[in-house]
Amino acid sequence: MSAGTGASRAVVLFEGRSDSLAFRALARRRGASLEGLALVDLDGVTNLRRALTGLGGDVSAGRVLGLYDSAEGRYVAGVLHDVSVLADVTDDPGDVGFFGCERDLEDEVIRAAGAELVLQTLAARGELARFRTFQGQPAQRERPLEQQLHRFAGTAAGRKARFAADVIDVVPVERMPPPLTALLEATMRLI
């Protein structure tokens, strides 16, 4: 989990690899340099406290930023408060550069892109036939397409890591997921 933060002006924390790959894809699409940033995959939000504690004196509001799933908002706010980044546990983590995805980043990406663009992305990756087979499974047949796509994103090793980034590579820039865009904009103000 070491980020080599010595020369970095800011540290950006992600729940996992899929989130950081999507962030990199958005930065590339927007022509934003990530120089001066340490991008750290936490391998799960429960490692947030350890990551922040490991940064020691480098932890401050606006210097350490992050992306998380909104269901984890209370936990994130509690940890940020405990390490003195957030003044009160009831404050919005977004105010100090931690942005919550409504369900998770994959859900945000599917909603931003629309199901048809996601299907085109799966076709380009050679996974559309697998998705169609997946849709035929009894547990999936009655679910809305967006929910099927969300579930499919996590069904095979390695797919989730690339899913959001692959869609970010093709979604129109003006329709990018708001939490991911807010995180990129916050980082650009720091470097």
C-alpha atoms as a PDB file:
ATOM      1  CA  MET A   1       0.000   0.000   0.000  1.00  0.00           C
ATOM      2  CA  SER A   2       3.004   2.276   0.000  1.00  0.00           C
ATOM      3  CA  ALA A   3       2.522   5.174  -2.336  1.00  0.00           C
ATOM      4  CA  GLY A   4       5.919   6.803  -2.296  1.00  0.00           C
ATOM      5  CA  THR A   5       4.312  10.014  -1.114  1.00  0.00           C
ATOM      6  CA  GLY A   6       7.532  11.891  -0.337  1.00  0.00           C
ATOM      7  CA  ALA A   7       7.553  13.930  -3.561  1.00  0.00           C
ATOM      8  CA  SER A   8       3.780  13.971  -3.999  1.00  0.00           C
ATOM      9  CA  ARG A   9       1.726  17.081  -3.422  1.00  0.00           C
ATOM     10  CA  ALA A  10      -1.409  15.014  -2.877  1.00  0.00           C
ATOM     11  CA  VAL A  11      -2.479  11.464  -2.183  1.00  0.00           C
ATOM     12  CA  VAL A  12      -5.604  10.017  -3.773  1.00  0.00           C
ATOM     13  CA  LEU A  13      -7.088   6.962  -2.082  1.00  0.00           C
ATOM     14  CA  PHE A  14      -9.314   4.454  -3.886  1.00  0.00           C
ATOM     15  CA  GLU A  15     -11.242   1.510  -2.491  1.00  0.00           C
ATOM     16  CA  GLY A  16      -9.749  -0.686  -5.174  1.00  0.00           C
ATOM     17  CA  ARG A  17      -7.993  -1.043  -8.486  1.00  0.00           C
ATOM     18  CA  SER A  18     -11.120  -0.597 -10.601  1.00  0.00           C
ATOM     19  CA  ASP A  19     -11.664   2.879  -9.155  1.00  0.00           C
ATOM     20  CA  SER A  20      -8.072   3.996  -9.704  1.00  0.00           C
ATOM     21  CA  LEU A  21      -8.050   2.672 -13.291  1.00  0.00           C
ATOM     22  CA  ALA A  22     -11.261   4.594 -14.018  1.00  0.00           C
ATOM     23  CA  PHE A  23      -9.729   7.734 -12.488  1.00  0.00           C
ATOM     24  CA  ARG A  24      -6.649   7.355 -14.691  1.00  0.00           C
ATOM     25  CA  ALA A  25      -8.892   6.870 -17.741  1.00  0.00           C
ATOM     26  CA  LEU A  26     -10.831  10.045 -16.946  1.00  0.00           C
ATOM     27  CA  ALA A  27      -7.602  12.007 -16.443  1.00  0.00           C
ATOM     28  CA  ARG A  28      -6.315  10.745 -19.789  1.00  0.00           C
ATOM     29  CA  ARG A  29      -9.592  11.669 -21.516  1.00  0.00           C
ATOM     30  CA  ARG A  30      -9.511  15.166 -20.010  1.00  0.00           C
ATOM     31  CA  GLY A  31      -5.808  15.661 -20.757  1.00  0.00           C
ATOM     32  CA  ALA A  32      -5.025  16.060 -17.061  1.00  0.00           C
ATOM     33  CA  SER A  33      -1.564  15.252 -15.771  1.00  0.00           C
ATOM     34  CA  LEU A  34      -1.372  13.060 -12.696  1.00  0.00           C
ATOM     35  CA  GLU A  35       2.194  14.148 -11.962  1.00  0.00           C
ATOM     36  CA  GLY A  36       2.518  15.109  -8.316  1.00  0.00           C
ATOM     37  CA  LEU A  37      -0.179  12.676  -7.226  1.00  0.00           C
ATOM     38  CA  ALA A  38       0.267   9.427  -5.357  1.00  0.00           C
ATOM     39  CA  LEU A  39      -2.584   7.122  -6.365  1.00  0.00           C
ATOM     40  CA  VAL A  40      -3.191   4.443  -3.736  1.00  0.00           C
ATOM     41  CA  ASP A  41      -5.461   1.401  -3.996  1.00  0.00           C
ATOM     42  CA  LEU A  42      -6.671   0.535  -0.500  1.00  0.00           C
ATOM     43  CA  ASP A  43      -7.783  -3.013  -1.337  1.00  0.00           C
ATOM     44  CA  GLY A  44     -11.013  -2.200   0.509  1.00  0.00           C
ATOM     45  CA  VAL A  45     -12.322   0.837   2.353  1.00  0.00           C
ATOM     46  CA  THR A  46     -11.651  -0.822   5.702  1.00  0.00           C
ATOM     47  CA  ASN A  47      -7.951  -0.093   5.072  1.00  0.00           C
ATOM     48  CA  LEU A  48      -8.621   3.664   5.051  1.00  0.00           C
ATOM     49  CA  ARG A  49      -7.578   4.230   8.665  1.00  0.00           C
ATOM     50  CA  ARG A  50      -4.311   2.343   8.191  1.00  0.00           C
ATOM     51  CA  ALA A  51      -3.518   4.280   5.000  1.00  0.00           C
ATOM     52  CA  LEU A  52      -4.211   7.648   6.615  1.00  0.00           C
ATOM     53  CA  THR A  53      -2.278   6.747   9.752  1.00  0.00           C
ATOM     54  CA  GLY A  54       0.632   5.594   7.582  1.00  0.00           C
ATOM     55  CA  LEU A  55       0.798   9.043   6.003  1.00  0.00           C
ATOM     56  CA  GLY A  56       1.475  10.572   9.428  1.00  0.00           C
ATOM     57  CA  GLY A  57       1.876  14.341   9.291  1.00  0.00           C
ATOM     58  CA  ASP A  58       1.012  14.383   5.588  1.00  0.00           C
ATOM     59  CA  VAL A  59      -2.676  13.963   6.404  1.00  0.00           C
ATOM     60  CA  SER A  60      -4.640  17.156   6.007  1.00  0.00           C
ATOM     61  CA  ALA A  61      -7.899  18.238   4.441  1.00  0.00           C
ATOM     62  CA  GLY A  62      -7.349  18.912   0.781  1.00  0.00           C
ATOM     63  CA  ARG A  63      -3.996  17.098   0.601  1.00  0.00           C
ATOM     64  CA  VAL A  64      -5.459  13.609   0.911  1.00  0.00           C
ATOM     65  CA  LEU A  65      -8.419  12.944  -1.355  1.00  0.00           C
ATOM     66  CA  GLY A  66     -10.480   9.870  -2.074  1.00  0.00           C
ATOM     67  CA  LEU A  67     -13.359   8.023  -3.689  1.00  0.00           C
ATOM     68  CA  TYR A  68     -15.670   5.641  -1.853  1.00  0.00           C
ATOM     69  CA  ASP A  69     -19.071   3.956  -2.064  1.00  0.00           C
ATOM     70  CA  SER A  70     -21.763   6.012  -0.334  1.00  0.00           C
ATOM     71  CA  ALA A  71     -22.864   3.044   1.755  1.00  0.00           C
ATOM     72  CA  GLU A  72     -19.494   3.460   3.482  1.00  0.00           C
ATOM     73  CA  GLY A  73     -20.042   7.179   4.097  1.00  0.00           C
ATOM     74  CA  ARG A  74     -20.445   6.949   7.866  1.00  0.00           C
ATOM     75  CA  TYR A  75     -17.318   4.843   8.182  1.00  0.00           C
ATOM     76  CA  VAL A  76     -15.321   7.207   5.951  1.00  0.00           C
ATOM     77  CA  ALA A  77     -16.552  10.267   7.866  1.00  0.00           C
ATOM     78  CA  GLY A  78     -15.666   8.603  11.170  1.00  0.00           C
ATOM     79  CA  VAL A  79     -12.126   7.775  10.067  1.00  0.00           C
ATOM     80  CA  LEU A  80     -11.612  11.238   8.570  1.00  0.00           C
ATOM     81  CA  HIS A  81     -12.779  12.763  11.831  1.00  0.00           C
ATOM     82  CA  ASP A  82     -10.533  10.487  13.902  1.00  0.00           C
ATOM     83  CA  VAL A  83      -7.436  11.608  11.963  1.00  0.00           C
ATOM     84  CA  SER A  84      -8.484  15.290  12.139  1.00  0.00           C
ATOM     85  CA  VAL A  85      -9.264  15.719   8.437  1.00  0.00           C
ATOM     86  CA  LEU A  86     -12.988  16.227   9.054  1.00  0.00           C
ATOM     87  CA  ALA A  87     -14.079  18.547  11.888  1.00  0.00           C
ATOM     88  CA  ASP A  88     -17.242  16.609  12.755  1.00  0.00           C
ATOM     89  CA  VAL A  89     -18.491  13.145  11.825  1.00  0.00           C
ATOM     90  CA  THR A  90     -21.686  14.727  10.503  1.00  0.00           C
ATOM     91  CA  ASP A  91     -19.778  16.890   7.994  1.00  0.00           C
ATOM     92  CA  ASP A  92     -19.783  15.943   4.315  1.00  0.00           C
ATOM     93  CA  PRO A  93     -16.564  14.128   3.324  1.00  0.00           C
ATOM     94  CA  GLY A  94     -16.913  15.819  -0.082  1.00  0.00           C
ATOM     95  CA  ASP A  95     -16.071  19.107   1.598  1.00  0.00           C
ATOM     96  CA  VAL A  96     -12.542  17.785   2.259  1.00  0.00           C
ATOM     97  CA  GLY A  97     -12.080  15.955  -1.045  1.00  0.00           C
ATOM     98  CA  PHE A  98     -13.608  12.519  -0.394  1.00  0.00           C
ATOM     99  CA  PHE A  99     -16.370  11.822  -2.882  1.00  0.00           C
ATOM    100  CA  GLY A 100     -19.043   9.146  -2.555  1.00  0.00           C
ATOM    101  CA  CYS A 101     -20.416   7.106  -5.438  1.00  0.00           C
ATOM    102  CA  GLU A 102     -24.168   6.535  -5.074  1.00  0.00           C
ATOM    103  CA  ARG A 103     -23.879   2.733  -5.003  1.00  0.00           C
ATOM    104  CA  ASP A 104     -20.389   2.181  -6.355  1.00  0.00           C
ATOM    105  CA  LEU A 105     -18.348   3.439  -9.269  1.00  0.00           C
ATOM    106  CA  GLU A 106     -19.613   0.747 -11.640  1.00  0.00           C
ATOM    107  CA  ASP A 107     -23.193   1.877 -10.978  1.00  0.00           C
ATOM    108  CA  GLU A 108     -22.204   5.513 -11.570  1.00  0.00           C
ATOM    109  CA  VAL A 109     -20.462   4.563 -14.829  1.00  0.00           C
ATOM    110  CA  ILE A 110     -23.409   2.513 -16.113  1.00  0.00           C
ATOM    111  CA  ARG A 111     -25.802   5.369 -15.338  1.00  0.00           C
ATOM    112  CA  ALA A 112     -23.522   7.974 -16.962  1.00  0.00           C
ATOM    113  CA  ALA A 113     -22.871   5.941 -20.107  1.00  0.00           C
ATOM    114  CA  GLY A 114     -26.271   4.360 -20.541  1.00  0.00           C
ATOM    115  CA  ALA A 115     -26.841   0.646 -21.059  1.00  0.00           C
ATOM    116  CA  GLU A 116     -26.369   0.741 -24.842  1.00  0.00           C
ATOM    117  CA  LEU A 117     -22.897   2.262 -24.638  1.00  0.00           C
ATOM    118  CA  VAL A 118     -21.936  -0.285 -21.976  1.00  0.00           C
ATOM    119  CA  LEU A 119     -23.150  -3.081 -24.272  1.00  0.00           C
ATOM    120  CA  GLN A 120     -21.029  -1.636 -27.090  1.00  0.00           C
ATOM    121  CA  THR A 121     -18.043  -1.648 -24.723  1.00  0.00           C
ATOM    122  CA  LEU A 122     -18.668  -5.309 -23.881  1.00  0.00           C
ATOM    123  CA  ALA A 123     -18.910  -6.100 -27.595  1.00  0.00           C
ATOM    124  CA  ALA A 124     -15.586  -4.347 -28.251  1.00  0.00           C
ATOM    125  CA  ARG A 125     -13.989  -6.429 -25.486  1.00  0.00           C
ATOM    126  CA  GLY A 126     -15.422  -9.654 -26.936  1.00  0.00           C
ATOM    127  CA  GLU A 127     -17.632 -10.198 -23.888  1.00  0.00           C
ATOM    128  CA  LEU A 128     -21.083  -9.551 -25.306  1.00  0.00           C
ATOM    129  CA  ALA A 129     -21.797 -13.259 -25.928  1.00  0.00           C
ATOM    130  CA  ARG A 130     -20.817 -14.027 -22.314  1.00  0.00           C
ATOM    131  CA  PHE A 131     -23.119 -11.266 -21.130  1.00  0.00           C
ATOM    132  CA  ARG A 132     -26.015 -12.638 -23.208  1.00  0.00           C
ATOM    133  CA  THR A 133     -25.446 -16.073 -21.637  1.00  0.00           C
ATOM    134  CA  PHE A 134     -25.347 -14.424 -18.210  1.00  0.00           C
ATOM    135  CA  GLN A 135     -28.665 -12.674 -18.929  1.00  0.00           C
ATOM    136  CA  GLY A 136     -30.271 -16.072 -19.550  1.00  0.00           C
ATOM    137  CA  GLN A 137     -29.510 -17.344 -16.069  1.00  0.00           C
ATOM    138  CA  PRO A 138     -32.680 -17.737 -13.957  1.00  0.00           C
ATOM    139  CA  ALA A 139     -31.505 -15.227 -11.323  1.00  0.00           C
ATOM    140  CA  GLN A 140     -30.934 -12.572 -13.995  1.00  0.00           C
ATOM    141  CA  ARG A 141     -33.913 -12.923 -16.312  1.00  0.00           C
ATOM    142  CA  GLU A 142     -36.256 -10.565 -14.446  1.00  0.00           C
ATOM    143  CA  ARG A 143     -33.667  -7.958 -13.457  1.00  0.00           C
ATOM    144  CA  PRO A 144     -33.426  -4.633 -15.310  1.00  0.00           C
ATOM    145  CA  LEU A 145     -30.615  -4.399 -17.856  1.00  0.00           C
ATOM    146  CA  GLU A 146     -28.631  -1.915 -15.748  1.00  0.00           C
ATOM    147  CA  GLN A 147     -28.674  -4.302 -12.776  1.00  0.00           C
ATOM    148  CA  GLN A 148     -27.601  -7.181 -15.008  1.00  0.00           C
ATOM    149  CA  LEU A 149     -24.686  -5.116 -16.298  1.00  0.00           C
ATOM    150  CA  HIS A 150     -23.688  -4.155 -12.759  1.00  0.00           C
ATOM    151  CA  ARG A 151     -23.711  -7.765 -11.596  1.00  0.00           C
ATOM    152  CA  PHE A 152     -21.890  -8.956 -14.718  1.00  0.00           C
ATOM    153  CA  ALA A 153     -19.079  -6.469 -14.075  1.00  0.00           C
ATOM    154  CA  GLY A 154     -18.022  -8.461 -11.003  1.00  0.00           C
ATOM    155  CA  THR A 155     -18.549 -12.037 -12.165  1.00  0.00           C
ATOM    156  CA  ALA A 156     -15.113 -12.925 -13.553  1.00  0.00           C
ATOM    157  CA  ALA A 157     -11.596 -12.427 -12.280  1.00  0.00           C
ATOM    158  CA  GLY A 158     -10.161  -9.220 -13.680  1.00  0.00           C
ATOM    159  CA  ARG A 159     -13.389  -7.998 -15.312  1.00  0.00           C
ATOM    160  CA  LYS A 160     -14.302  -5.565 -12.539  1.00  0.00           C
ATOM    161  CA  ALA A 161     -10.820  -4.053 -12.557  1.00  0.00           C
ATOM    162  CA  ARG A 162     -11.211  -2.972 -16.198  1.00  0.00           C
ATOM    163  CA  PHE A 163     -14.991  -2.551 -16.517  1.00  0.00           C
ATOM    164  CA  ALA A 164     -15.357   1.068 -15.356  1.00  0.00           C
ATOM    165  CA  ALA A 165     -12.146   2.216 -17.063  1.00  0.00           C
ATOM    166  CA  ASP A 166     -13.210   0.669 -20.382  1.00  0.00           C
ATOM    167  CA  VAL A 167     -16.546   2.494 -20.246  1.00  0.00           C
ATOM    168  CA  ILE A 168     -14.885   5.761 -19.155  1.00  0.00           C
ATOM    169  CA  ASP A 169     -12.724   5.454 -22.279  1.00  0.00           C
ATOM    170  CA  VAL A 170     -15.825   5.836 -24.495  1.00  0.00           C
ATOM    171  CA  VAL A 171     -18.467   7.761 -22.547  1.00  0.00           C
ATOM    172  CA  PRO A 172     -18.835  11.385 -23.689  1.00  0.00           C
ATOM    173  CA  VAL A 173     -16.758  13.636 -21.419  1.00  0.00           C
ATOM    174  CA  GLU A 174     -19.775  15.771 -20.516  1.00  0.00           C
ATOM    175  CA  ARG A 175     -21.542  12.680 -19.106  1.00  0.00           C
ATOM    176  CA  MET A 176     -18.762  11.453 -16.818  1.00  0.00           C
ATOM    177  CA  PRO A 177     -19.822  10.251 -13.343  1.00  0.00           C
ATOM    178  CA  PRO A 178     -20.056  13.276 -11.011  1.00  0.00           C
ATOM    179  CA  PRO A 179     -18.036  11.824  -8.088  1.00  0.00           C
ATOM    180  CA  LEU A 180     -15.159  10.828 -10.374  1.00  0.00           C
ATOM    181  CA  THR A 181     -15.222  14.231 -12.084  1.00  0.00           C
ATOM    182  CA  ALA A 182     -15.328  16.030  -8.718  1.00  0.00           C
ATOM    183  CA  LEU A 183     -12.316  14.029  -7.540  1.00  0.00           C
ATOM    184  CA  LEU A 184     -10.316  14.841 -10.664  1.00  0.00           C
ATOM    185  CA  GLU A 185     -11.179  18.531 -10.398  1.00  0.00           C
ATOM    186  CA  ALA A 186     -10.163  18.579  -6.716  1.00  0.00           C
ATOM    187  CA  THR A 187      -6.814  16.991  -7.558  1.00  0.00           C
ATOM    188  CA  MET A 188      -6.176  19.450 -10.377  1.00  0.00           C
ATOM    189  CA  ARG A 189      -6.504  22.323  -7.905  1.00  0.00           C
ATOM    190  CA  LEU A 190      -3.648  20.791  -5.885  1.00  0.00           C
ATOM    191  CA  ILE A 191      -1.061  20.144  -8.572  1.00  0.00           C
END
